[in-house]
Each structure stands twice: as structure tokens, then as C-alpha cells.
Amino acid sequence: MNDIIQNILVFTAIALAMLFLIKKFILPKSKTKKACGNDNDCACH
């Protein structure tokens, strides 16, 4: 019984680590463009 619980925890940890790495390095980042001086209120002044 402990082997089943241990395997579930290990595979869950691996899945979470893989999802984190995919999100961090593979998926494109959404860049928000903040340009000061073009009538955009970016709160930099």
C-alpha cells in the first residue's frame, strides 16, 4: 500500500515539475508594452 502512495506522490511531483519547466521555458511569454511619453499612463514619472 505504501508503494502505491509513494508512486502517486513521485509521479505528481514529476508532473508538476514538467509543467513548471514547460511554462517557464517553452510557452511564449506575453509581453506588455509600456511606452512612456506616448499618452500612456505607465506611472514612471
PDB file of N, CA and C in Angstrom:
ATOM      1  N   MET A   1       0.821  -1.200   0.000  1.00  0.00           N
ATOM      2  CA  MET A   1       0.000   0.000   0.000  1.00  0.00           C
ATOM      3  C   MET A   1       0.863   1.260   0.000  1.00  0.00           C
ATOM      4  N   ASN A   2       1.967   1.238   0.737  1.00  0.00           N
ATOM      5  CA  ASN A   2       2.839   2.408   0.767  1.00  0.00           C
ATOM      6  C   ASN A   2       3.511   2.640  -0.580  1.00  0.00           C
ATOM      7  N   ASP A   3       3.757   1.566  -1.339  1.00  0.00           N
ATOM      8  CA  ASP A   3       4.373   1.714  -2.649  1.00  0.00           C
ATOM      9  C   ASP A   3       3.448   2.469  -3.604  1.00  0.00           C
ATOM     10  N   ILE A   4       2.167   2.218  -3.513  1.00  0.00           N
ATOM     11  CA  ILE A   4       1.206   2.894  -4.396  1.00  0.00           C
ATOM     12  C   ILE A   4       1.162   4.384  -4.079  1.00  0.00           C
ATOM     13  N   ILE A   5       1.073   4.719  -2.803  1.00  0.00           N
ATOM     14  CA  ILE A   5       1.033   6.133  -2.398  1.00  0.00           C
ATOM     15  C   ILE A   5       2.337   6.818  -2.770  1.00  0.00           C
ATOM     16  N   GLN A   6       3.459   6.145  -2.570  1.00  0.00           N
ATOM     17  CA  GLN A   6       4.753   6.730  -2.904  1.00  0.00           C
ATOM     18  C   GLN A   6       4.856   6.974  -4.407  1.00  0.00           C
ATOM     19  N   ASN A   7       4.406   6.033  -5.223  1.00  0.00           N
ATOM     20  CA  ASN A   7       4.444   6.220  -6.675  1.00  0.00           C
ATOM     21  C   ASN A   7       3.543   7.365  -7.125  1.00  0.00           C
ATOM     22  N   ILE A   8       2.375   7.483  -6.522  1.00  0.00           N
ATOM     23  CA  ILE A   8       1.472   8.591  -6.868  1.00  0.00           C
ATOM     24  C   ILE A   8       2.130   9.922  -6.546  1.00  0.00           C
ATOM     25  N   LEU A   9       2.766  10.025  -5.373  1.00  0.00           N
ATOM     26  CA  LEU A   9       3.419  11.275  -4.996  1.00  0.00           C
ATOM     27  C   LEU A   9       4.599  11.598  -5.907  1.00  0.00           C
ATOM     28  N   VAL A  10       5.368  10.592  -6.277  1.00  0.00           N
ATOM     29  CA  VAL A  10       6.522  10.807  -7.150  1.00  0.00           C
ATOM     30  C   VAL A  10       6.070  11.271  -8.528  1.00  0.00           C
ATOM     31  N   PHE A  11       5.071  10.596  -9.097  1.00  0.00           N
ATOM     32  CA  PHE A  11       4.606  10.987 -10.426  1.00  0.00           C
ATOM     33  C   PHE A  11       3.915  12.346 -10.414  1.00  0.00           C
ATOM     34  N   THR A  12       3.257  12.685  -9.318  1.00  0.00           N
ATOM     35  CA  THR A  12       2.659  14.015  -9.200  1.00  0.00           C
ATOM     36  C   THR A  12       3.738  15.090  -9.139  1.00  0.00           C
ATOM     37  N   ALA A  13       4.797  14.843  -8.384  1.00  0.00           N
ATOM     38  CA  ALA A  13       5.896  15.806  -8.292  1.00  0.00           C
ATOM     39  C   ALA A  13       6.589  15.974  -9.641  1.00  0.00           C
ATOM     40  N   ILE A  14       6.778  14.877 -10.355  1.00  0.00           N
ATOM     41  CA  ILE A  14       7.402  14.955 -11.676  1.00  0.00           C
ATOM     42  C   ILE A  14       6.509  15.727 -12.644  1.00  0.00           C
ATOM     43  N   ALA A  15       5.211  15.470 -12.600  1.00  0.00           N
ATOM     44  CA  ALA A  15       4.281  16.165 -13.490  1.00  0.00           C
ATOM     45  C   ALA A  15       4.277  17.667 -13.197  1.00  0.00           C
ATOM     46  N   LEU A  16       4.269  18.035 -11.922  1.00  0.00           N
ATOM     47  CA  LEU A  16       4.295  19.457 -11.576  1.00  0.00           C
ATOM     48  C   LEU A  16       5.597  20.120 -12.018  1.00  0.00           C
ATOM     49  N   ALA A  17       6.706  19.419 -11.868  1.00  0.00           N
ATOM     50  CA  ALA A  17       7.994  19.965 -12.299  1.00  0.00           C
ATOM     51  C   ALA A  17       8.027  20.142 -13.812  1.00  0.00           C
ATOM     52  N   MET A  18       7.493  19.162 -14.539  1.00  0.00           N
ATOM     53  CA  MET A  18       7.465  19.269 -16.004  1.00  0.00           C
ATOM     54  C   MET A  18       6.568  20.421 -16.448  1.00  0.00           C
ATOM     55  N   LEU A  19       5.408  20.583 -15.816  1.00  0.00           N
ATOM     56  CA  LEU A  19       4.524  21.696 -16.159  1.00  0.00           C
ATOM     57  C   LEU A  19       5.191  23.039 -15.890  1.00  0.00           C
ATOM     58  N   PHE A  20       5.912  23.137 -14.778  1.00  0.00           N
ATOM     59  CA  PHE A  20       6.619  24.376 -14.464  1.00  0.00           C
ATOM     60  C   PHE A  20       7.678  24.681 -15.520  1.00  0.00           C
ATOM     61  N   LEU A  21       8.457  23.674 -15.905  1.00  0.00           N
ATOM     62  CA  LEU A  21       9.506  23.894 -16.893  1.00  0.00           C
ATOM     63  C   LEU A  21       8.931  24.248 -18.251  1.00  0.00           C
ATOM     64  N   ILE A  22       7.838  23.597 -18.628  1.00  0.00           N
ATOM     65  CA  ILE A  22       7.200  23.915 -19.903  1.00  0.00           C
ATOM     66  C   ILE A  22       6.679  25.346 -19.883  1.00  0.00           C
ATOM     67  N   LYS A  23       6.038  25.739 -18.791  1.00  0.00           N
ATOM     68  CA  LYS A  23       5.518  27.101 -18.689  1.00  0.00           C
ATOM     69  C   LYS A  23       6.646  28.128 -18.702  1.00  0.00           C
ATOM     70  N   LYS A  24       7.739  27.814 -18.039  1.00  0.00           N
ATOM     71  CA  LYS A  24       8.833  28.778 -17.899  1.00  0.00           C
ATOM     72  C   LYS A  24       9.646  28.932 -19.180  1.00  0.00           C
ATOM     73  N   PHE A  25       9.940  27.828 -19.876  1.00  0.00           N
ATOM     74  CA  PHE A  25      10.894  27.903 -20.968  1.00  0.00           C
ATOM     75  C   PHE A  25      10.303  27.697 -22.359  1.00  0.00           C
ATOM     76  N   ILE A  26       9.196  27.004 -22.483  1.00  0.00           N
ATOM     77  CA  ILE A  26       8.709  26.660 -23.810  1.00  0.00           C
ATOM     78  C   ILE A  26       7.580  27.574 -24.269  1.00  0.00           C
ATOM     79  N   LEU A  27       6.615  27.850 -23.392  1.00  0.00           N
ATOM     80  CA  LEU A  27       5.487  28.680 -23.792  1.00  0.00           C
ATOM     81  C   LEU A  27       5.938  30.119 -23.995  1.00  0.00           C
ATOM     82  N   PRO A  28       5.380  30.788 -25.002  1.00  0.00           N
ATOM     83  CA  PRO A  28       5.783  32.177 -25.249  1.00  0.00           C
ATOM     84  C   PRO A  28       5.305  33.085 -24.122  1.00  0.00           C
ATOM     85  N   LYS A  29       6.133  34.052 -23.839  1.00  0.00           N
ATOM     86  CA  LYS A  29       5.792  34.996 -22.788  1.00  0.00           C
ATOM     87  C   LYS A  29       4.924  36.105 -23.368  1.00  0.00           C
ATOM     88  N   SER A  30       3.929  36.507 -22.606  1.00  0.00           N
ATOM     89  CA  SER A  30       3.095  37.624 -23.044  1.00  0.00           C
ATOM     90  C   SER A  30       3.775  38.910 -22.576  1.00  0.00           C
ATOM     91  N   LYS A  31       4.192  39.677 -23.528  1.00  0.00           N
ATOM     92  CA  LYS A  31       4.901  40.913 -23.212  1.00  0.00           C
ATOM     93  C   LYS A  31       3.918  42.081 -23.235  1.00  0.00           C
ATOM     94  N   THR A  32       3.899  42.809 -22.162  1.00  0.00           N
ATOM     95  CA  THR A  32       3.084  44.015 -22.121  1.00  0.00           C
ATOM     96  C   THR A  32       4.000  45.187 -22.436  1.00  0.00           C
ATOM     97  N   LYS A  33       3.630  45.923 -23.436  1.00  0.00           N
ATOM     98  CA  LYS A  33       4.460  47.039 -23.873  1.00  0.00           C
ATOM     99  C   LYS A  33       4.075  48.288 -23.095  1.00  0.00           C
ATOM    100  N   LYS A  34       5.030  48.794 -22.359  1.00  0.00           N
ATOM    101  CA  LYS A  34       4.806  50.023 -21.607  1.00  0.00           C
ATOM    102  C   LYS A  34       5.723  51.097 -22.182  1.00  0.00           C
ATOM    103  N   ALA A  35       5.131  51.988 -22.928  1.00  0.00           N
ATOM    104  CA  ALA A  35       5.908  53.059 -23.544  1.00  0.00           C
ATOM    105  C   ALA A  35       5.538  54.371 -22.881  1.00  0.00           C
ATOM    106  N   CYS A  36       6.499  55.013 -22.282  1.00  0.00           N
ATOM    107  CA  CYS A  36       6.263  56.311 -21.666  1.00  0.00           C
ATOM    108  C   CYS A  36       6.380  57.404 -22.721  1.00  0.00           C
ATOM    109  N   GLY A  37       5.541  58.401 -22.602  1.00  0.00           N
ATOM    110  CA  GLY A  37       5.619  59.537 -23.499  1.00  0.00           C
ATOM    111  C   GLY A  37       4.683  59.452 -24.682  1.00  0.00           C
ATOM    112  N   ASN A  38       3.997  58.354 -24.882  1.00  0.00           N
ATOM    113  CA  ASN A  38       3.065  58.220 -25.996  1.00  0.00           C
ATOM    114  C   ASN A  38       1.628  58.210 -25.505  1.00  0.00           C
ATOM    115  N   ASP A  39       1.306  59.140 -24.613  1.00  0.00           N
ATOM    116  CA  ASP A  39      -0.015  59.243 -23.997  1.00  0.00           C
ATOM    117  C   ASP A  39      -0.413  57.981 -23.261  1.00  0.00           C
ATOM    118  N   ASN A  40       0.551  57.231 -22.801  1.00  0.00           N
ATOM    119  CA  ASN A  40       0.280  56.042 -22.000  1.00  0.00           C
ATOM    120  C   ASN A  40       0.625  56.374 -20.550  1.00  0.00           C
ATOM    121  N   ASP A  41      -0.271  56.050 -19.662  1.00  0.00           N
ATOM    122  CA  ASP A  41      -0.032  56.298 -18.251  1.00  0.00           C
ATOM    123  C   ASP A  41       0.685  55.091 -17.662  1.00  0.00           C
ATOM    124  N   CYS A  42       2.010  55.118 -17.678  1.00  0.00           N
ATOM    125  CA  CYS A  42       2.771  53.991 -17.156  1.00  0.00           C
ATOM    126  C   CYS A  42       3.279  54.242 -15.740  1.00  0.00           C
ATOM    127  N   ALA A  43       2.980  55.384 -15.169  1.00  0.00           N
ATOM    128  CA  ALA A  43       3.364  55.765 -13.808  1.00  0.00           C
ATOM    129  C   ALA A  43       4.878  55.732 -13.623  1.00  0.00           C
ATOM    130  N   CYS A  44       5.607  56.140 -14.633  1.00  0.00           N
ATOM    131  CA  CYS A  44       7.063  56.174 -14.492  1.00  0.00           C
ATOM    132  C   CYS A  44       7.570  57.582 -14.237  1.00  0.00           C
ATOM    133  N   HIS A  45       6.676  58.572 -14.233  1.00  0.00           N
ATOM    134  CA  HIS A  45       7.105  59.959 -13.967  1.00  0.00           C
ATOM    135  C   HIS A  45       6.362  60.497 -12.779  1.00  0.00           C
TER     136      HIS A  45
END
